[in-house]
């Protein structure tokens, strides 16, 4: 049986012209759904989440960062940023 490990994630947003990142979502960390990791990799789940983000967050203009962690407070094992261009 393959080894399975839970992961946590958080989204941060930096609006155009702002120096810092602000957390998005209900809390600092959220757990990656178990079903997402049952048959796929953490990277595949994260990439799919970020592909949907520009459409879901079409009112924001700036940078969106997704970070994934083996436990809250640890160093991220995955991090990626995407650009949000806001409504046209």
Protein backbone atom coordinates (compact mmCIF):
# COMPACT_ATOMS: atom_id res chain seq x y z
CA UNK A 1 0.00 0.00 0.00
CA UNK A 2 1.49 3.40 -0.96
CA UNK A 3 2.34 5.93 1.71
CA UNK A 4 -0.11 8.83 1.96
CA UNK A 5 0.58 12.13 3.68
CA UNK A 6 -1.85 14.97 4.42
CA UNK A 7 -1.01 18.49 3.23
CA UNK A 8 -2.22 21.97 4.06
CA UNK A 9 -2.45 24.96 1.76
CA UNK A 10 -2.98 28.71 1.81
CA UNK A 11 -3.68 31.38 -0.75
CA UNK A 12 -2.20 34.86 -0.56
CA UNK A 13 -2.91 37.89 -2.72
CA UNK A 14 -0.81 40.97 -3.48
CA UNK A 15 -2.78 43.72 -5.17
CA UNK A 16 -1.09 45.81 -7.83
CA UNK A 17 0.84 48.62 -6.19
CA UNK A 18 0.81 46.99 -2.73
CA UNK A 19 4.04 45.82 -1.09
CA UNK A 20 2.77 42.89 0.97
CA UNK A 21 0.77 39.69 0.69
CA UNK A 22 -2.62 39.23 2.37
CA UNK A 23 -4.19 35.84 3.16
CA UNK A 24 -7.26 34.87 1.13
CA UNK A 25 -9.92 32.51 2.40
CA UNK A 26 -11.47 31.59 5.72
CA UNK A 27 -8.27 30.91 7.62
CA UNK A 28 -4.50 30.85 7.51
CA UNK A 29 -4.29 27.17 6.45
CA UNK A 30 -6.76 24.76 4.86
CA UNK A 31 -6.32 21.03 4.47
CA UNK A 32 -5.94 19.63 0.98
CA UNK A 33 -8.97 17.36 0.40
CA UNK A 34 -8.13 13.70 0.96
CA UNK A 35 -9.90 12.71 -2.28
CA UNK A 36 -7.61 15.03 -4.25
CA UNK A 37 -4.55 13.11 -3.05
CA UNK A 38 -6.05 9.62 -3.29
CA UNK A 39 -5.35 9.24 -7.02
CA UNK A 40 -3.26 12.28 -7.87
CA UNK A 41 -0.28 14.29 -6.84
CA UNK A 42 -0.21 17.43 -4.74
CA UNK A 43 1.12 19.33 -7.75
CA UNK A 44 -1.76 18.18 -9.97
CA UNK A 45 -4.32 19.31 -7.38
CA UNK A 46 -2.56 22.67 -6.91
CA UNK A 47 -2.26 23.29 -10.67
CA UNK A 48 -5.98 22.56 -11.15
CA UNK A 49 -6.89 24.96 -8.33
CA UNK A 50 -4.77 27.72 -9.86
CA UNK A 51 -6.21 27.15 -13.32
CA UNK A 52 -9.69 27.97 -11.93
CA UNK A 53 -8.54 30.98 -9.88
CA UNK A 54 -8.54 33.68 -12.60
CA UNK A 55 -12.18 32.94 -13.44
CA UNK A 56 -13.26 32.72 -9.79
CA UNK A 57 -11.37 35.83 -8.71
CA UNK A 58 -12.07 37.99 -11.76
CA UNK A 59 -12.56 41.11 -9.63
CA UNK A 60 -8.95 41.07 -8.35
CA UNK A 61 -5.93 42.54 -10.06
CA UNK A 62 -2.51 41.45 -8.84
CA UNK A 63 -0.63 38.27 -7.97
CA UNK A 64 -2.03 35.13 -6.37
CA UNK A 65 0.27 32.72 -4.52
CA UNK A 66 -0.58 29.15 -3.55
CA UNK A 67 1.65 27.43 -1.02
CA UNK A 68 1.36 23.82 0.17
CA UNK A 69 2.83 22.51 3.42
CA UNK A 70 3.34 19.10 5.07
CA UNK A 71 1.99 20.75 8.25
CA UNK A 72 0.97 24.28 9.21
CA UNK A 73 4.01 26.43 9.95
CA UNK A 74 6.48 24.23 8.07
CA UNK A 75 8.38 25.34 4.99
CA UNK A 76 6.29 25.02 1.82
CA UNK A 77 6.88 21.94 -0.31
CA UNK A 78 5.13 23.55 -3.28
CA UNK A 79 4.66 27.20 -4.20
CA UNK A 80 3.38 28.84 -7.36
CA UNK A 81 2.16 32.30 -8.36
CA UNK A 82 -0.33 33.30 -11.04
CA UNK A 83 -1.31 36.70 -12.34
CA UNK A 84 -4.88 37.94 -11.88
CA UNK A 85 -5.77 40.60 -14.43
CA UNK A 86 -9.12 41.72 -13.00
CA UNK A 87 -12.29 42.42 -14.95
CA UNK A 88 -11.97 43.74 -18.42
